[in-house]
Amino acid sequence: MAVRTRPADARPARRTRPADPRPSGRVLGPPGEPRRIGYLYVLPAFLVYAVFALYPLLRAVHLSLFEWDGLTVGTWAGLSNYQEVLSDERLRASFGHALVLMAFFALIPLVVGLVLASVLHRASVRGLGFFRTVVFLPQVVAMVVIAVAWRRIYAPDGTINSVLTAVGLESWTRGWLGEYAFALPAVGLIGTWFESGLVTVLLLAGMGRIPRELYEAARLDGAGAVREFFAVTLPSVRGEIAVALTLTVIAALKTFDLIYMTTSGGPGHQTTVPSYEVYRQAFEIGQVGLACTIGVCLTVVIFAISFVITRVGDRVAD
């Protein structure tokens, strides 16, 4: 029987690839290519953001260049409103008061939250979920309700003075919200109580993601609780710290309802803040242009501080 043999120089036939159904010239790329398709996905959210955020901001910038009472025709003022914000003692003081409130709303809650979260994380307390709910509870209560409750606590016949009288410290009693030296710290302590729970919950969430192996390695090296905190816990929650500082700083700078319900900027103008001055200038005095100027300046300050916190947090993380 004859056997067919293939010549030595013969090559196997090449398999032809199936025709590419895609149009010629199209290059594969990441999802969303071409880029204009990706913009279409973003467009609806951007339109909502533009209508409810960008347009009001640009409109406020435009109105800040006019002297306008909100009813009659406004007159061009140029940068005179901005000059008044810088030269008016009361308006400058309101920004200073907001910076003081930052310490009560952001820095003190951060320290309290770090200590409290570290203790709870290290001790593995039972019922931690319930505790998180309790400390976070002020965040779901309207600030107006909180302000009314604390106004009663600070009242001359309120809880604090009653306790001081009961323990023989009647000489320490005072009208906490009515004295020049104590009004702003008293309002600030409300912010400390309000924000500490939020910071604690954020830090607890970050600490829960830290690998146990890092703590075990630190203990093998002879690290105690304090060194363990600074070597392992604190570097691992830098992202949560940046988020907590950003949220609490913004809350301190834009607080209005707390001031309005507790002191209305008094006594004198010891507790005025920029957001309250926006309300006072626009609705009590009728200087809408100046109110818009204060709002624009406040927006710039918030953006600058938030940008610094974010940049510093990113560099520390790197």
C-alpha atoms as a PDB file:
ATOM      1  CA  MET A   1       0.000   0.000   0.000  1.00  0.00           C
ATOM      2  CA  ALA A   2       1.508   3.293  -1.035  1.00  0.00           C
ATOM      3  CA  VAL A   3       1.978   5.894   1.676  1.00  0.00           C
ATOM      4  CA  ARG A   4       1.839   9.547   0.714  1.00  0.00           C
ATOM      5  CA  THR A   5       4.637  11.562   2.073  1.00  0.00           C
ATOM      6  CA  ARG A   6       4.807  15.322   2.279  1.00  0.00           C
ATOM      7  CA  PRO A   7       7.778  16.894   0.590  1.00  0.00           C
ATOM      8  CA  ALA A   8      10.444  18.031   3.017  1.00  0.00           C
ATOM      9  CA  ASP A   9      10.178  21.650   1.958  1.00  0.00           C
ATOM     10  CA  ALA A  10       6.407  21.744   2.158  1.00  0.00           C
ATOM     11  CA  ARG A  11       4.955  23.972   4.903  1.00  0.00           C
ATOM     12  CA  PRO A  12       1.645  23.443   6.704  1.00  0.00           C
ATOM     13  CA  ALA A  13      -1.142  25.591   5.421  1.00  0.00           C
ATOM     14  CA  ARG A  14      -1.781  28.695   7.510  1.00  0.00           C
ATOM     15  CA  ARG A  15      -5.077  28.975   9.244  1.00  0.00           C
ATOM     16  CA  THR A  16      -6.918  32.024   8.179  1.00  0.00           C
ATOM     17  CA  ARG A  17      -8.302  34.199  10.977  1.00  0.00           C
ATOM     18  CA  PRO A  18     -11.967  35.074  10.846  1.00  0.00           C
ATOM     19  CA  ALA A  19     -12.717  38.482   9.529  1.00  0.00           C
ATOM     20  CA  ASP A  20     -12.772  41.205  12.186  1.00  0.00           C
ATOM     21  CA  PRO A  21     -16.376  42.427  12.427  1.00  0.00           C
ATOM     22  CA  ARG A  22     -15.228  45.797  13.819  1.00  0.00           C
ATOM     23  CA  PRO A  23     -14.880  48.723  11.456  1.00  0.00           C
ATOM     24  CA  SER A  24     -11.376  49.137  10.139  1.00  0.00           C
ATOM     25  CA  GLY A  25      -9.250  51.748  11.864  1.00  0.00           C
ATOM     26  CA  ARG A  26     -10.936  51.404  15.279  1.00  0.00           C
ATOM     27  CA  VAL A  27      -8.455  51.025  18.115  1.00  0.00           C
ATOM     28  CA  LEU A  28      -9.236  49.122  21.272  1.00  0.00           C
ATOM     29  CA  GLY A  29      -9.128  51.217  24.415  1.00  0.00           C
ATOM     30  CA  PRO A  30     -10.339  51.319  27.988  1.00  0.00           C
ATOM     31  CA  PRO A  31     -14.075  51.319  28.741  1.00  0.00           C
ATOM     32  CA  GLY A  32     -15.695  54.592  27.870  1.00  0.00           C
ATOM     33  CA  GLU A  33     -13.699  55.190  24.698  1.00  0.00           C
ATOM     34  CA  PRO A  34     -14.105  57.292  22.743  1.00  0.00           C
ATOM     35  CA  ARG A  35     -13.855  59.857  25.513  1.00  0.00           C
ATOM     36  CA  ARG A  36     -16.936  61.758  24.408  1.00  0.00           C
ATOM     37  CA  ILE A  37     -19.017  58.723  25.375  1.00  0.00           C
ATOM     38  CA  GLY A  38     -17.704  58.982  28.921  1.00  0.00           C
ATOM     39  CA  TYR A  39     -18.701  62.643  29.042  1.00  0.00           C
ATOM     40  CA  LEU A  40     -22.255  61.660  28.196  1.00  0.00           C
ATOM     41  CA  TYR A  41     -22.409  59.490  31.330  1.00  0.00           C
ATOM     42  CA  VAL A  42     -21.197  62.402  33.468  1.00  0.00           C
ATOM     43  CA  LEU A  43     -23.430  65.008  31.816  1.00  0.00           C
ATOM     44  CA  PRO A  44     -26.685  64.437  33.813  1.00  0.00           C
ATOM     45  CA  ALA A  45     -24.932  64.699  37.200  1.00  0.00           C
ATOM     46  CA  PHE A  46     -22.949  67.708  36.001  1.00  0.00           C
ATOM     47  CA  LEU A  47     -26.117  69.493  34.872  1.00  0.00           C
ATOM     48  CA  VAL A  48     -27.712  69.001  38.291  1.00  0.00           C
ATOM     49  CA  TYR A  49     -24.527  70.236  39.975  1.00  0.00           C
ATOM     50  CA  ALA A  50     -24.338  73.228  37.656  1.00  0.00           C
ATOM     51  CA  VAL A  51     -27.958  74.251  38.243  1.00  0.00           C
ATOM     52  CA  PHE A  52     -27.945  73.917  42.029  1.00  0.00           C
ATOM     53  CA  ALA A  53     -24.318  74.771  42.878  1.00  0.00           C
ATOM     54  CA  LEU A  54     -22.321  76.468  40.131  1.00  0.00           C
ATOM     55  CA  TYR A  55     -25.003  78.885  38.955  1.00  0.00           C
ATOM     56  CA  PRO A  56     -25.908  80.143  42.468  1.00  0.00           C
ATOM     57  CA  LEU A  57     -22.207  80.600  43.221  1.00  0.00           C
ATOM     58  CA  LEU A  58     -21.588  82.570  40.033  1.00  0.00           C
ATOM     59  CA  ARG A  59     -24.748  84.591  40.665  1.00  0.00           C
ATOM     60  CA  ALA A  60     -23.527  85.423  44.171  1.00  0.00           C
ATOM     61  CA  VAL A  61     -20.183  86.573  42.758  1.00  0.00           C
ATOM     62  CA  HIS A  62     -22.049  88.803  40.309  1.00  0.00           C
ATOM     63  CA  LEU A  63     -24.308  90.310  42.988  1.00  0.00           C
ATOM     64  CA  SER A  64     -21.319  90.932  45.271  1.00  0.00           C
ATOM     65  CA  LEU A  65     -20.199  93.627  42.821  1.00  0.00           C
ATOM     66  CA  PHE A  66     -23.385  95.673  43.359  1.00  0.00           C
ATOM     67  CA  GLU A  67     -25.009  97.694  46.097  1.00  0.00           C
ATOM     68  CA  TRP A  68     -28.471  96.157  46.185  1.00  0.00           C
ATOM     69  CA  ASP A  69     -31.204  95.951  48.799  1.00  0.00           C
ATOM     70  CA  GLY A  70     -32.996  93.043  47.106  1.00  0.00           C
ATOM     71  CA  LEU A  71     -35.936  95.170  45.923  1.00  0.00           C
ATOM     72  CA  THR A  72     -34.820  98.191  43.932  1.00  0.00           C
ATOM     73  CA  VAL A  73     -32.364  98.394  41.040  1.00  0.00           C
ATOM     74  CA  GLY A  74     -28.824  97.760  42.158  1.00  0.00           C
ATOM     75  CA  THR A  75     -25.911 100.094  41.493  1.00  0.00           C
ATOM     76  CA  TRP A  76     -22.433  99.029  40.443  1.00  0.00           C
ATOM     77  CA  ALA A  77     -20.044  98.937  43.407  1.00  0.00           C
ATOM     78  CA  GLY A  78     -17.039  97.114  42.023  1.00  0.00           C
ATOM     79  CA  LEU A  79     -14.780  95.774  44.759  1.00  0.00           C
ATOM     80  CA  SER A  80     -16.032  98.195  47.420  1.00  0.00           C
ATOM     81  CA  ASN A  81     -18.010  95.436  49.164  1.00  0.00           C
ATOM     82  CA  TYR A  82     -14.852  93.351  49.459  1.00  0.00           C
ATOM     83  CA  GLN A  83     -13.008  96.355  50.855  1.00  0.00           C
ATOM     84  CA  GLU A  84     -15.736  96.760  53.447  1.00  0.00           C
ATOM     85  CA  VAL A  85     -15.389  93.116  54.525  1.00  0.00           C
ATOM     86  CA  LEU A  86     -11.686  93.752  55.132  1.00  0.00           C
ATOM     87  CA  SER A  87     -12.147  97.112  56.836  1.00  0.00           C
ATOM     88  CA  ASP A  88     -15.279  96.558  58.945  1.00  0.00           C
ATOM     89  CA  GLU A  89     -14.290  95.448  62.432  1.00  0.00           C
ATOM     90  CA  ARG A  90     -17.443  93.412  63.044  1.00  0.00           C
ATOM     91  CA  LEU A  91     -17.145  91.516  59.770  1.00  0.00           C
ATOM     92  CA  ARG A  92     -13.462  90.783  60.344  1.00  0.00           C
ATOM     93  CA  ALA A  93     -14.254  89.602  63.858  1.00  0.00           C
ATOM     94  CA  SER A  94     -16.874  87.182  62.537  1.00  0.00           C
ATOM     95  CA  PHE A  95     -14.199  85.346  60.536  1.00  0.00           C
ATOM     96  CA  GLY A  96     -11.996  85.277  63.620  1.00  0.00           C
ATOM     97  CA  HIS A  97     -14.834  83.747  65.647  1.00  0.00           C
ATOM     98  CA  ALA A  98     -15.270  81.078  62.955  1.00  0.00           C
ATOM     99  CA  LEU A  99     -11.590  80.181  63.266  1.00  0.00           C
ATOM    100  CA  VAL A 100     -11.998  79.864  67.029  1.00  0.00           C
ATOM    101  CA  LEU A 101     -14.965  77.553  66.505  1.00  0.00           C
ATOM    102  CA  MET A 102     -12.745  75.400  64.286  1.00  0.00           C
ATOM    103  CA  ALA A 103     -10.776  74.416  67.376  1.00  0.00           C
ATOM    104  CA  PHE A 104     -13.967  73.313  69.135  1.00  0.00           C
ATOM    105  CA  PHE A 105     -15.603  71.685  66.107  1.00  0.00           C
ATOM    106  CA  ALA A 106     -12.512  70.011  64.603  1.00  0.00           C
ATOM    107  CA  LEU A 107      -9.365  69.845  66.739  1.00  0.00           C
ATOM    108  CA  ILE A 108     -10.845  68.904  70.114  1.00  0.00           C
ATOM    109  CA  PRO A 109     -13.225  66.291  68.613  1.00  0.00           C
ATOM    110  CA  LEU A 110     -10.261  64.824  66.708  1.00  0.00           C
ATOM    111  CA  VAL A 111      -8.276  64.368  69.923  1.00  0.00           C
ATOM    112  CA  VAL A 112     -11.297  62.988  71.768  1.00  0.00           C
ATOM    113  CA  GLY A 113     -12.168  60.702  68.857  1.00  0.00           C
ATOM    114  CA  LEU A 114      -8.625  59.345  68.570  1.00  0.00           C
ATOM    115  CA  VAL A 115      -8.419  58.530  72.265  1.00  0.00           C
ATOM    116  CA  LEU A 116     -11.914  57.089  72.504  1.00  0.00           C
ATOM    117  CA  ALA A 117     -11.667  55.048  69.308  1.00  0.00           C
ATOM    118  CA  SER A 118      -8.246  53.672  70.266  1.00  0.00           C
ATOM    119  CA  VAL A 119      -9.451  52.570  73.680  1.00  0.00           C
ATOM    120  CA  LEU A 120     -12.558  50.911  72.248  1.00  0.00           C
ATOM    121  CA  HIS A 121     -10.603  49.246  69.444  1.00  0.00           C
ATOM    122  CA  ARG A 122      -7.875  47.967  71.726  1.00  0.00           C
ATOM    123  CA  ALA A 123     -10.244  46.746  74.441  1.00  0.00           C
ATOM    124  CA  SER A 124     -12.667  45.045  71.996  1.00  0.00           C
ATOM    125  CA  VAL A 125     -15.690  46.237  73.973  1.00  0.00           C
ATOM    126  CA  ARG A 126     -18.828  44.145  73.732  1.00  0.00           C
ATOM    127  CA  GLY A 127     -21.792  45.899  72.192  1.00  0.00           C
ATOM    128  CA  LEU A 128     -19.581  48.108  70.049  1.00  0.00           C
ATOM    129  CA  GLY A 129     -22.289  48.441  67.407  1.00  0.00           C
ATOM    130  CA  PHE A 130     -24.721  49.850  69.959  1.00  0.00           C
ATOM    131  CA  PHE A 131     -22.071  52.269  71.202  1.00  0.00           C
ATOM    132  CA  ARG A 132     -21.443  53.513  67.657  1.00  0.00           C
ATOM    133  CA  THR A 133     -25.152  54.162  67.261  1.00  0.00           C
ATOM    134  CA  VAL A 134     -25.303  56.125  70.513  1.00  0.00           C
ATOM    135  CA  VAL A 135     -22.290  58.352  69.836  1.00  0.00           C
ATOM    136  CA  PHE A 136     -23.462  58.986  66.261  1.00  0.00           C
ATOM    137  CA  LEU A 137     -26.989  59.870  67.357  1.00  0.00           C
ATOM    138  CA  PRO A 138     -26.437  63.670  67.556  1.00  0.00           C
ATOM    139  CA  GLN A 139     -25.688  63.665  63.826  1.00  0.00           C
ATOM    140  CA  VAL A 140     -29.244  62.604  62.996  1.00  0.00           C
ATOM    141  CA  VAL A 141     -30.889  65.182  65.262  1.00  0.00           C
ATOM    142  CA  ALA A 142     -31.626  68.601  63.796  1.00  0.00           C
ATOM    143  CA  MET A 143     -29.199  71.260  64.983  1.00  0.00           C
ATOM    144  CA  VAL A 144     -32.124  73.514  65.887  1.00  0.00           C
ATOM    145  CA  VAL A 145     -33.330  70.918  68.401  1.00  0.00           C
ATOM    146  CA  ILE A 146     -29.821  70.541  69.802  1.00  0.00           C
ATOM    147  CA  ALA A 147     -29.436  74.310  70.105  1.00  0.00           C
ATOM    148  CA  VAL A 148     -32.722  74.668  71.987  1.00  0.00           C
ATOM    149  CA  ALA A 149     -31.768  71.865  74.382  1.00  0.00           C
ATOM    150  CA  TRP A 150     -28.326  73.312  75.106  1.00  0.00           C
ATOM    151  CA  ARG A 151     -29.739  76.806  75.503  1.00  0.00           C
ATOM    152  CA  ARG A 152     -31.820  75.416  78.327  1.00  0.00           C
ATOM    153  CA  ILE A 153     -28.774  73.683  79.832  1.00  0.00           C
ATOM    154  CA  TYR A 154     -26.810  76.968  79.755  1.00  0.00           C
ATOM    155  CA  ALA A 155     -29.694  79.073  81.118  1.00  0.00           C
ATOM    156  CA  PRO A 156     -29.209  80.877  84.486  1.00  0.00           C
ATOM    157  CA  ASP A 157     -31.631  78.384  86.040  1.00  0.00           C
ATOM    158  CA  GLY A 158     -30.494  75.559  83.795  1.00  0.00           C
ATOM    159  CA  THR A 159     -28.795  72.240  84.419  1.00  0.00           C
ATOM    160  CA  ILE A 160     -25.198  73.453  84.706  1.00  0.00           C
ATOM    161  CA  ASN A 161     -25.927  76.155  87.278  1.00  0.00           C
ATOM    162  CA  SER A 162     -28.209  73.814  89.206  1.00  0.00           C
ATOM    163  CA  VAL A 163     -25.429  71.214  89.475  1.00  0.00           C
ATOM    164  CA  LEU A 164     -22.882  73.842  90.533  1.00  0.00           C
ATOM    165  CA  THR A 165     -25.252  75.115  93.211  1.00  0.00           C
ATOM    166  CA  ALA A 166     -25.923  71.582  94.444  1.00  0.00           C
ATOM    167  CA  VAL A 167     -22.199  70.866  94.957  1.00  0.00           C
ATOM    168  CA  GLY A 168     -21.494  74.161  96.723  1.00  0.00           C
ATOM    169  CA  LEU A 169     -19.992  76.056  93.784  1.00  0.00           C
ATOM    170  CA  GLU A 170     -22.685  78.687  93.553  1.00  0.00           C
ATOM    171  CA  SER A 171     -20.071  81.395  92.967  1.00  0.00           C
ATOM    172  CA  TRP A 172     -19.267  79.724  89.629  1.00  0.00           C
ATOM    173  CA  THR A 173     -22.799  80.044  88.311  1.00  0.00           C
ATOM    174  CA  ARG A 174     -23.356  82.549  85.549  1.00  0.00           C
ATOM    175  CA  GLY A 175     -25.342  83.204  82.404  1.00  0.00           C
ATOM    176  CA  TRP A 176     -23.030  81.234  80.135  1.00  0.00           C
ATOM    177  CA  LEU A 177     -24.452  82.479  76.852  1.00  0.00           C
ATOM    178  CA  GLY A 178     -24.814  86.066  78.044  1.00  0.00           C
ATOM    179  CA  GLU A 179     -21.261  86.865  79.184  1.00  0.00           C
ATOM    180  CA  TYR A 180     -18.652  88.195  76.799  1.00  0.00           C
ATOM    181  CA  ALA A 181     -15.869  85.890  77.974  1.00  0.00           C
ATOM    182  CA  PHE A 182     -17.879  82.653  78.006  1.00  0.00           C
ATOM    183  CA  ALA A 183     -20.408  82.936  75.179  1.00  0.00           C
ATOM    184  CA  LEU A 184     -18.177  81.800  72.290  1.00  0.00           C
ATOM    185  CA  PRO A 185     -16.518  78.898  74.198  1.00  0.00           C
ATOM    186  CA  ALA A 186     -19.957  77.800  75.407  1.00  0.00           C
ATOM    187  CA  VAL A 187     -21.225  77.631  71.832  1.00  0.00           C
ATOM    188  CA  GLY A 188     -18.015  75.896  70.791  1.00  0.00           C
ATOM    189  CA  LEU A 189     -18.471  73.160  73.392  1.00  0.00           C
ATOM    190  CA  ILE A 190     -21.818  72.332  71.823  1.00  0.00           C
ATOM    191  CA  GLY A 191     -19.946  71.764  68.573  1.00  0.00           C
ATOM    192  CA  THR A 192     -17.408  69.583  70.375  1.00  0.00           C
ATOM    193  CA  TRP A 193     -20.186  67.385  71.754  1.00  0.00           C
ATOM    194  CA  PHE A 194     -21.904  67.276  68.381  1.00  0.00           C
ATOM    195  CA  GLU A 195     -18.857  66.372  66.262  1.00  0.00           C
ATOM    196  CA  SER A 196     -17.023  63.993  68.616  1.00  0.00           C
ATOM    197  CA  GLY A 197     -19.360  61.112  67.818  1.00  0.00           C
ATOM    198  CA  LEU A 198     -18.895  61.513  64.067  1.00  0.00           C
ATOM    199  CA  VAL A 199     -15.104  61.576  64.376  1.00  0.00           C
ATOM    200  CA  THR A 200     -15.113  58.561  66.704  1.00  0.00           C
ATOM    201  CA  VAL A 201     -17.207  56.467  64.314  1.00  0.00           C
ATOM    202  CA  LEU A 202     -15.012  57.408  61.342  1.00  0.00           C
ATOM    203  CA  LEU A 203     -11.829  56.502  63.211  1.00  0.00           C
ATOM    204  CA  LEU A 204     -13.302  53.263  64.536  1.00  0.00           C
ATOM    205  CA  ALA A 205     -14.112  52.255  60.978  1.00  0.00           C
ATOM    206  CA  GLY A 206     -10.540  52.982  59.921  1.00  0.00           C
ATOM    207  CA  MET A 207      -9.025  51.136  62.851  1.00  0.00           C
ATOM    208  CA  GLY A 208     -11.163  48.107  62.116  1.00  0.00           C
ATOM    209  CA  ARG A 209      -9.326  47.687  58.799  1.00  0.00           C
ATOM    210  CA  ILE A 210      -5.844  47.609  60.350  1.00  0.00           C
ATOM    211  CA  PRO A 211      -4.332  44.099  60.067  1.00  0.00           C
ATOM    212  CA  ARG A 212      -3.830  42.394  63.419  1.00  0.00           C
ATOM    213  CA  GLU A 213      -0.380  41.273  62.270  1.00  0.00           C
ATOM    214  CA  LEU A 214       0.876  44.866  62.587  1.00  0.00           C
ATOM    215  CA  TYR A 215      -0.090  44.986  66.257  1.00  0.00           C
ATOM    216  CA  GLU A 216       1.413  41.572  66.894  1.00  0.00           C
ATOM    217  CA  ALA A 217       4.688  42.634  65.283  1.00  0.00           C
ATOM    218  CA  ALA A 218       4.761  45.802  67.389  1.00  0.00           C
ATOM    219  CA  ARG A 219       4.187  43.810  70.576  1.00  0.00           C
ATOM    220  CA  LEU A 220       6.988  41.408  69.644  1.00  0.00           C
ATOM    221  CA  ASP A 221       9.261  44.434  69.391  1.00  0.00           C
ATOM    222  CA  GLY A 222       8.260  45.388  72.933  1.00  0.00           C
ATOM    223  CA  ALA A 223       5.936  48.251  72.069  1.00  0.00           C
ATOM    224  CA  GLY A 224       3.511  49.373  74.742  1.00  0.00           C
ATOM    225  CA  ALA A 225       0.057  50.827  74.269  1.00  0.00           C
ATOM    226  CA  VAL A 226       1.291  54.379  73.631  1.00  0.00           C
ATOM    227  CA  ARG A 227       4.044  53.390  71.210  1.00  0.00           C
ATOM    228  CA  GLU A 228       1.652  51.013  69.483  1.00  0.00           C
ATOM    229  CA  PHE A 229      -0.758  53.884  68.964  1.00  0.00           C
ATOM    230  CA  PHE A 230       1.829  56.199  67.388  1.00  0.00           C
ATOM    231  CA  ALA A 231       3.614  53.492  65.374  1.00  0.00           C
ATOM    232  CA  VAL A 232       0.657  51.494  64.062  1.00  0.00           C
ATOM    233  CA  THR A 233      -2.755  53.045  64.716  1.00  0.00           C
ATOM    234  CA  LEU A 234      -2.119  56.704  63.918  1.00  0.00           C
ATOM    235  CA  PRO A 235      -0.326  56.169  60.561  1.00  0.00           C
ATOM    236  CA  SER A 236      -3.017  53.690  59.471  1.00  0.00           C
ATOM    237  CA  VAL A 237      -5.938  56.117  59.912  1.00  0.00           C
ATOM    238  CA  ARG A 238      -4.444  59.157  58.181  1.00  0.00           C
ATOM    239  CA  GLY A 239      -7.099  59.015  55.480  1.00  0.00           C
ATOM    240  CA  GLU A 240      -9.925  58.939  58.033  1.00  0.00           C
ATOM    241  CA  ILE A 241      -8.306  61.831  59.923  1.00  0.00           C
ATOM    242  CA  ALA A 242      -8.235  63.928  56.736  1.00  0.00           C
ATOM    243  CA  VAL A 243     -11.901  63.158  56.054  1.00  0.00           C
ATOM    244  CA  ALA A 244     -12.900  63.941  59.644  1.00  0.00           C
ATOM    245  CA  LEU A 245     -11.011  67.243  59.637  1.00  0.00           C
ATOM    246  CA  THR A 246     -12.541  68.274  56.317  1.00  0.00           C
ATOM    247  CA  LEU A 247     -16.103  67.567  57.466  1.00  0.00           C
ATOM    248  CA  THR A 248     -15.728  69.199  60.884  1.00  0.00           C
ATOM    249  CA  VAL A 249     -13.888  72.275  59.600  1.00  0.00           C
ATOM    250  CA  ILE A 250     -16.612  72.897  57.014  1.00  0.00           C
ATOM    251  CA  ALA A 251     -19.251  72.450  59.738  1.00  0.00           C
ATOM    252  CA  ALA A 252     -17.466  74.999  61.935  1.00  0.00           C
ATOM    253  CA  LEU A 253     -17.154  77.604  59.195  1.00  0.00           C
ATOM    254  CA  LYS A 254     -20.703  77.353  57.874  1.00  0.00           C
ATOM    255  CA  THR A 255     -22.567  77.011  61.178  1.00  0.00           C
ATOM    256  CA  PHE A 256     -25.602  79.277  61.322  1.00  0.00           C
ATOM    257  CA  ASP A 257     -28.531  77.580  63.035  1.00  0.00           C
ATOM    258  CA  LEU A 258     -26.561  76.963  66.236  1.00  0.00           C
ATOM    259  CA  ILE A 259     -25.598  80.639  66.534  1.00  0.00           C
ATOM    260  CA  TYR A 260     -29.053  81.870  65.553  1.00  0.00           C
ATOM    261  CA  MET A 261     -30.862  79.721  68.116  1.00  0.00           C
ATOM    262  CA  THR A 262     -28.476  80.189  71.043  1.00  0.00           C
ATOM    263  CA  THR A 263     -27.026  83.716  71.002  1.00  0.00           C
ATOM    264  CA  SER A 264     -28.124  85.471  67.766  1.00  0.00           C
ATOM    265  CA  GLY A 265     -24.562  86.738  67.539  1.00  0.00           C
ATOM    266  CA  GLY A 266     -24.542  88.235  71.041  1.00  0.00           C
ATOM    267  CA  PRO A 267     -23.702  89.396  73.577  1.00  0.00           C
ATOM    268  CA  GLY A 268     -22.779  92.391  71.474  1.00  0.00           C
ATOM    269  CA  HIS A 269     -21.243  90.667  68.487  1.00  0.00           C
ATOM    270  CA  GLN A 270     -19.045  88.224  70.409  1.00  0.00           C
ATOM    271  CA  THR A 271     -20.444  85.145  68.680  1.00  0.00           C
ATOM    272  CA  THR A 272     -21.143  86.436  65.185  1.00  0.00           C
ATOM    273  CA  VAL A 273     -19.845  84.212  62.392  1.00  0.00           C
ATOM    274  CA  PRO A 274     -19.790  84.790  58.606  1.00  0.00           C
ATOM    275  CA  SER A 275     -22.860  82.675  57.878  1.00  0.00           C
ATOM    276  CA  TYR A 276     -24.870  84.607  60.479  1.00  0.00           C
ATOM    277  CA  GLU A 277     -23.603  87.901  59.044  1.00  0.00           C
ATOM    278  CA  VAL A 278     -24.863  86.819  55.608  1.00  0.00           C
ATOM    279  CA  TYR A 279     -28.343  86.438  57.105  1.00  0.00           C
ATOM    280  CA  ARG A 280     -28.133  89.690  59.068  1.00  0.00           C
ATOM    281  CA  GLN A 281     -26.888  91.795  56.176  1.00  0.00           C
ATOM    282  CA  ALA A 282     -29.387  90.385  53.671  1.00  0.00           C
ATOM    283  CA  PHE A 283     -32.600  90.086  55.716  1.00  0.00           C
ATOM    284  CA  GLU A 284     -32.204  92.534  58.605  1.00  0.00           C
ATOM    285  CA  ILE A 285     -30.199  95.384  57.107  1.00  0.00           C
ATOM    286  CA  GLY A 286     -31.090  94.922  53.439  1.00  0.00           C
ATOM    287  CA  GLN A 287     -27.549  94.897  52.035  1.00  0.00           C
ATOM    288  CA  VAL A 288     -27.796  91.909  49.726  1.00  0.00           C
ATOM    289  CA  GLY A 289     -24.650  92.793  47.793  1.00  0.00           C
ATOM    290  CA  LEU A 290     -22.551  92.854  50.960  1.00  0.00           C
ATOM    291  CA  ALA A 291     -24.163  89.612  52.114  1.00  0.00           C
ATOM    292  CA  CYS A 292     -23.154  87.942  48.841  1.00  0.00           C
ATOM    293  CA  THR A 293     -19.636  89.280  49.302  1.00  0.00           C
ATOM    294  CA  ILE A 294     -19.375  87.684  52.745  1.00  0.00           C
ATOM    295  CA  GLY A 295     -20.691  84.426  51.323  1.00  0.00           C
ATOM    296  CA  VAL A 296     -18.128  84.459  48.516  1.00  0.00           C
ATOM    297  CA  CYS A 297     -15.303  85.176  50.958  1.00  0.00           C
ATOM    298  CA  LEU A 298     -16.507  82.355  53.202  1.00  0.00           C
ATOM    299  CA  THR A 299     -16.578  79.975  50.230  1.00  0.00           C
ATOM    300  CA  VAL A 300     -12.988  80.889  49.365  1.00  0.00           C
ATOM    301  CA  VAL A 301     -11.853  80.320  52.961  1.00  0.00           C
ATOM    302  CA  ILE A 302     -13.591  76.925  53.137  1.00  0.00           C
ATOM    303  CA  PHE A 303     -12.096  75.863  49.803  1.00  0.00           C
ATOM    304  CA  ALA A 304      -8.589  76.986  50.815  1.00  0.00           C
ATOM    305  CA  ILE A 305      -8.639  75.199  54.171  1.00  0.00           C
ATOM    306  CA  SER A 306     -10.135  72.036  52.677  1.00  0.00           C
ATOM    307  CA  PHE A 307      -7.515  72.087  49.917  1.00  0.00           C
ATOM    308  CA  VAL A 308      -4.688  72.401  52.450  1.00  0.00           C
ATOM    309  CA  ILE A 309      -6.062  69.543  54.555  1.00  0.00           C
ATOM    310  CA  THR A 310      -6.386  67.325  51.482  1.00  0.00           C
ATOM    311  CA  ARG A 311      -2.899  68.132  50.191  1.00  0.00           C
ATOM    312  CA  VAL A 312      -1.263  67.623  53.569  1.00  0.00           C
ATOM    313  CA  GLY A 313      -3.151  64.362  54.039  1.00  0.00           C
ATOM    314  CA  ASP A 314      -2.018  63.101  50.623  1.00  0.00           C
ATOM    315  CA  ARG A 315       1.620  63.981  51.282  1.00  0.00           C
ATOM    316  CA  VAL A 316       1.602  62.312  54.691  1.00  0.00           C
ATOM    317  CA  ALA A 317       0.009  59.207  53.164  1.00  0.00           C
ATOM    318  CA  ASP A 318       2.747  59.071  50.529  1.00  0.00           C
END
